[in-house]
Amino acid sequence: MAERRKFKKRFCKYCEQKVEFIDYKDLAGLKFSLSERFKIMPRRLTGNCKRHQELVTVAIKRARQTALIPYIVDRKNVVENPFENVR
C-alpha cells in the first residue's frame, strides 16, 4: 500500500491576528489569497478558516468590481509580479 503523506496543519492567519473585517482596499493582504492568474485560492491551500475564507472571497470580489484587481489575466502574457502595476 502507498504511504500517506503527512502535511503540517495550516492555521488561519486571520484568526491568529484576531481580524474581524477584511478590507477590499488592502491589496497587500489579499495577494496571498490569489494565484498568479488572479484566481481565488481554496481554503486547503491558504489554511484559512471557513469564516475568514468567505470574508476574503467577498473582499476580492469587491476589489475586482472596483477595478483594483483584474478579473482575468492573459494566458500568454503572465506577469511575474502582477501587483507591481497597482498604485
N, C-alpha and C. Protein backbone atom coordinates (compact mmCIF):
# COMPACT_ATOMS: atom_id res chain seq x y z
N MET A 1 0.83 -1.18 0.00
CA MET A 1 0.00 0.00 0.00
C MET A 1 0.87 1.25 0.00
N ALA A 2 0.35 2.27 -0.58
CA ALA A 2 1.09 3.52 -0.66
C ALA A 2 1.06 4.24 0.69
N GLU A 3 2.16 4.86 1.02
CA GLU A 3 2.22 5.61 2.27
C GLU A 3 1.48 6.92 2.12
N ARG A 4 0.84 7.32 3.17
CA ARG A 4 0.17 8.62 3.16
C ARG A 4 1.19 9.70 3.50
N ARG A 5 1.06 10.80 2.78
CA ARG A 5 1.96 11.92 3.06
C ARG A 5 1.45 12.67 4.28
N LYS A 6 2.35 13.07 5.11
CA LYS A 6 1.96 13.83 6.30
C LYS A 6 2.31 15.29 6.07
N PHE A 7 1.29 16.11 6.07
CA PHE A 7 1.47 17.54 5.87
C PHE A 7 1.29 18.25 7.20
N LYS A 8 1.95 19.37 7.35
CA LYS A 8 1.74 20.14 8.57
C LYS A 8 0.38 20.81 8.50
N LYS A 9 -0.25 20.97 9.65
CA LYS A 9 -1.56 21.59 9.70
C LYS A 9 -1.41 23.08 9.49
N ARG A 10 -2.23 23.61 8.59
CA ARG A 10 -2.20 25.03 8.31
C ARG A 10 -3.16 25.74 9.24
N PHE A 11 -2.75 26.91 9.70
CA PHE A 11 -3.57 27.68 10.61
C PHE A 11 -4.03 28.95 9.93
N CYS A 12 -5.18 29.42 10.33
CA CYS A 12 -5.75 30.64 9.76
C CYS A 12 -4.98 31.84 10.32
N LYS A 13 -4.34 32.58 9.42
CA LYS A 13 -3.55 33.73 9.87
C LYS A 13 -4.44 34.87 10.36
N TYR A 14 -5.69 34.89 9.89
CA TYR A 14 -6.61 35.94 10.33
C TYR A 14 -7.12 35.66 11.74
N CYS A 15 -7.28 34.40 12.10
CA CYS A 15 -7.68 34.06 13.47
C CYS A 15 -6.56 34.37 14.45
N GLU A 16 -5.32 34.12 14.03
CA GLU A 16 -4.18 34.41 14.91
C GLU A 16 -4.06 35.90 15.18
N GLN A 17 -4.36 36.73 14.17
CA GLN A 17 -4.28 38.18 14.32
C GLN A 17 -5.58 38.78 14.86
N LYS A 18 -6.60 37.95 15.04
CA LYS A 18 -7.93 38.36 15.53
C LYS A 18 -8.54 39.44 14.65
N VAL A 19 -8.55 39.18 13.35
CA VAL A 19 -9.11 40.11 12.37
C VAL A 19 -10.61 39.88 12.29
N GLU A 20 -11.38 40.96 12.38
CA GLU A 20 -12.84 40.86 12.29
C GLU A 20 -13.35 41.23 10.90
N PHE A 21 -12.64 42.10 10.19
CA PHE A 21 -13.08 42.58 8.89
C PHE A 21 -11.89 42.64 7.95
N ILE A 22 -12.07 42.18 6.73
CA ILE A 22 -11.01 42.21 5.72
C ILE A 22 -11.38 43.27 4.70
N ASP A 23 -10.54 44.28 4.58
CA ASP A 23 -10.83 45.42 3.70
C ASP A 23 -10.44 45.09 2.27
N TYR A 24 -11.29 45.44 1.34
CA TYR A 24 -11.02 45.15 -0.08
C TYR A 24 -9.95 46.06 -0.65
N LYS A 25 -9.64 47.17 0.02
CA LYS A 25 -8.62 48.10 -0.48
C LYS A 25 -7.21 47.70 -0.05
N ASP A 26 -7.11 46.72 0.84
CA ASP A 26 -5.81 46.24 1.32
C ASP A 26 -5.29 45.17 0.37
N LEU A 27 -4.67 45.59 -0.71
CA LEU A 27 -4.21 44.64 -1.73
C LEU A 27 -3.03 43.81 -1.27
N ALA A 28 -2.23 44.35 -0.37
CA ALA A 28 -1.08 43.59 0.12
C ALA A 28 -1.54 42.38 0.92
N GLY A 29 -2.64 42.50 1.63
CA GLY A 29 -3.17 41.37 2.38
C GLY A 29 -3.91 40.38 1.52
N LEU A 30 -4.52 40.85 0.46
CA LEU A 30 -5.31 39.98 -0.41
C LEU A 30 -4.45 39.18 -1.38
N LYS A 31 -3.25 39.64 -1.67
CA LYS A 31 -2.44 38.97 -2.70
C LYS A 31 -2.00 37.57 -2.28
N PHE A 32 -2.04 37.26 -0.99
CA PHE A 32 -1.66 35.92 -0.55
C PHE A 32 -2.78 34.91 -0.78
N SER A 33 -3.98 35.40 -1.08
CA SER A 33 -5.11 34.52 -1.35
C SER A 33 -5.41 34.42 -2.83
N LEU A 34 -4.52 34.97 -3.66
CA LEU A 34 -4.71 34.93 -5.11
C LEU A 34 -3.56 34.18 -5.76
N SER A 35 -3.87 33.46 -6.85
CA SER A 35 -2.82 32.79 -7.60
C SER A 35 -2.17 33.79 -8.56
N GLU A 36 -1.21 33.32 -9.35
CA GLU A 36 -0.53 34.22 -10.28
C GLU A 36 -1.43 34.67 -11.41
N ARG A 37 -2.54 33.96 -11.61
CA ARG A 37 -3.52 34.37 -12.61
C ARG A 37 -4.75 35.00 -11.98
N PHE A 38 -4.61 35.45 -10.76
CA PHE A 38 -5.65 36.15 -10.01
C PHE A 38 -6.88 35.30 -9.73
N LYS A 39 -6.70 34.01 -9.59
CA LYS A 39 -7.79 33.15 -9.15
C LYS A 39 -7.76 33.08 -7.63
N ILE A 40 -8.92 32.94 -7.04
CA ILE A 40 -9.01 32.84 -5.58
C ILE A 40 -8.55 31.43 -5.18
N MET A 41 -7.58 31.38 -4.27
CA MET A 41 -7.04 30.10 -3.84
C MET A 41 -7.97 29.46 -2.80
N PRO A 42 -8.10 28.14 -2.82
CA PRO A 42 -9.02 27.47 -1.89
C PRO A 42 -8.48 27.43 -0.47
N ARG A 43 -9.38 27.08 0.44
CA ARG A 43 -9.04 27.02 1.86
C ARG A 43 -7.95 26.01 2.16
N ARG A 44 -7.96 24.90 1.45
CA ARG A 44 -6.97 23.86 1.75
C ARG A 44 -5.56 24.29 1.43
N LEU A 45 -5.40 25.28 0.54
CA LEU A 45 -4.06 25.79 0.22
C LEU A 45 -3.67 26.98 1.08
N THR A 46 -4.62 27.86 1.39
CA THR A 46 -4.29 29.05 2.17
C THR A 46 -4.31 28.77 3.66
N GLY A 47 -5.12 27.80 4.10
CA GLY A 47 -5.21 27.49 5.52
C GLY A 47 -6.21 28.34 6.26
N ASN A 48 -6.99 29.12 5.55
CA ASN A 48 -7.98 29.97 6.21
C ASN A 48 -9.13 29.14 6.76
N CYS A 49 -9.76 29.64 7.82
CA CYS A 49 -10.96 29.00 8.32
C CYS A 49 -12.13 29.39 7.40
N LYS A 50 -13.27 28.76 7.60
CA LYS A 50 -14.40 28.99 6.71
C LYS A 50 -14.88 30.43 6.76
N ARG A 51 -14.96 30.98 7.94
CA ARG A 51 -15.44 32.35 8.13
C ARG A 51 -14.54 33.36 7.43
N HIS A 52 -13.25 33.24 7.63
CA HIS A 52 -12.32 34.19 7.04
C HIS A 52 -12.16 33.97 5.53
N GLN A 53 -12.30 32.73 5.06
CA GLN A 53 -12.24 32.49 3.63
C GLN A 53 -13.41 33.18 2.93
N GLU A 54 -14.59 33.16 3.55
CA GLU A 54 -15.74 33.86 2.98
C GLU A 54 -15.51 35.37 2.95
N LEU A 55 -14.89 35.92 4.01
CA LEU A 55 -14.59 37.35 4.04
C LEU A 55 -13.56 37.71 2.97
N VAL A 56 -12.56 36.86 2.79
CA VAL A 56 -11.55 37.10 1.76
C VAL A 56 -12.18 37.06 0.38
N THR A 57 -13.07 36.11 0.15
CA THR A 57 -13.73 35.98 -1.15
C THR A 57 -14.56 37.21 -1.46
N VAL A 58 -15.30 37.70 -0.48
CA VAL A 58 -16.11 38.91 -0.69
C VAL A 58 -15.21 40.11 -0.95
N ALA A 59 -14.10 40.22 -0.21
CA ALA A 59 -13.19 41.34 -0.40
C ALA A 59 -12.54 41.32 -1.78
N ILE A 60 -12.18 40.13 -2.26
CA ILE A 60 -11.57 40.03 -3.59
C ILE A 60 -12.59 40.38 -4.66
N LYS A 61 -13.81 39.93 -4.50
CA LYS A 61 -14.84 40.25 -5.48
C LYS A 61 -15.15 41.74 -5.50
N ARG A 62 -15.13 42.39 -4.35
CA ARG A 62 -15.33 43.84 -4.30
C ARG A 62 -14.17 44.58 -4.94
N ALA A 63 -12.95 44.10 -4.72
CA ALA A 63 -11.78 44.73 -5.33
C ALA A 63 -11.80 44.56 -6.85
N ARG A 64 -12.31 43.43 -7.33
CA ARG A 64 -12.45 43.25 -8.77
C ARG A 64 -13.49 44.20 -9.34
N GLN A 65 -14.59 44.38 -8.60
CA GLN A 65 -15.66 45.26 -9.07
C GLN A 65 -15.19 46.70 -9.17
N THR A 66 -14.31 47.13 -8.27
CA THR A 66 -13.80 48.50 -8.29
C THR A 66 -12.52 48.63 -9.12
N ALA A 67 -12.16 47.58 -9.84
CA ALA A 67 -11.02 47.56 -10.76
C ALA A 67 -9.68 47.70 -10.06
N LEU A 68 -9.56 47.26 -8.82
CA LEU A 68 -8.27 47.23 -8.14
C LEU A 68 -7.51 45.94 -8.50
N ILE A 69 -8.25 44.89 -8.77
CA ILE A 69 -7.68 43.60 -9.15
C ILE A 69 -8.36 43.18 -10.45
N PRO A 70 -7.62 42.70 -11.44
CA PRO A 70 -8.27 42.29 -12.69
C PRO A 70 -9.05 40.98 -12.53
N TYR A 71 -10.05 40.81 -13.37
CA TYR A 71 -10.82 39.58 -13.37
C TYR A 71 -10.02 38.43 -13.98
N ILE A 72 -9.38 38.69 -15.12
CA ILE A 72 -8.63 37.65 -15.80
C ILE A 72 -7.27 38.19 -16.21
N VAL A 73 -6.36 37.27 -16.47
CA VAL A 73 -5.03 37.62 -16.97
C VAL A 73 -4.81 36.80 -18.23
N ASP A 74 -4.23 37.42 -19.23
CA ASP A 74 -3.96 36.73 -20.49
C ASP A 74 -3.04 35.54 -20.25
N ARG A 75 -3.39 34.40 -20.80
CA ARG A 75 -2.60 33.19 -20.59
C ARG A 75 -1.21 33.29 -21.19
N LYS A 76 -1.07 34.03 -22.29
CA LYS A 76 0.22 34.11 -22.97
C LYS A 76 1.15 35.13 -22.33
N ASN A 77 0.59 36.15 -21.71
CA ASN A 77 1.39 37.21 -21.11
C ASN A 77 1.23 37.20 -19.59
N VAL A 78 1.70 36.15 -18.94
CA VAL A 78 1.61 36.07 -17.49
C VAL A 78 2.68 36.97 -16.89
N VAL A 79 2.27 37.88 -16.05
CA VAL A 79 3.19 38.84 -15.44
C VAL A 79 3.86 38.19 -14.24
N GLU A 80 5.15 38.46 -14.07
CA GLU A 80 5.89 37.84 -12.98
C GLU A 80 5.40 38.35 -11.62
N ASN A 81 5.26 39.66 -11.48
CA ASN A 81 4.74 40.23 -10.23
C ASN A 81 3.56 41.13 -10.60
N PRO A 82 2.35 40.64 -10.55
CA PRO A 82 1.20 41.41 -11.02
C PRO A 82 0.86 42.61 -10.14
N PHE A 83 1.30 42.64 -8.89
CA PHE A 83 0.95 43.73 -8.00
C PHE A 83 1.89 44.93 -8.12
N GLU A 84 2.92 44.84 -8.95
CA GLU A 84 3.81 45.98 -9.10
C GLU A 84 3.16 47.11 -9.90
N ASN A 85 2.17 46.79 -10.74
CA ASN A 85 1.50 47.82 -11.53
C ASN A 85 0.39 48.52 -10.77
N VAL A 86 -0.04 47.95 -9.64
CA VAL A 86 -1.11 48.54 -8.84
C VAL A 86 -0.54 49.65 -7.99
N ARG A 87 -1.05 50.85 -8.18
CA ARG A 87 -0.62 52.07 -7.47
C ARG A 87 0.83 52.30 -7.63
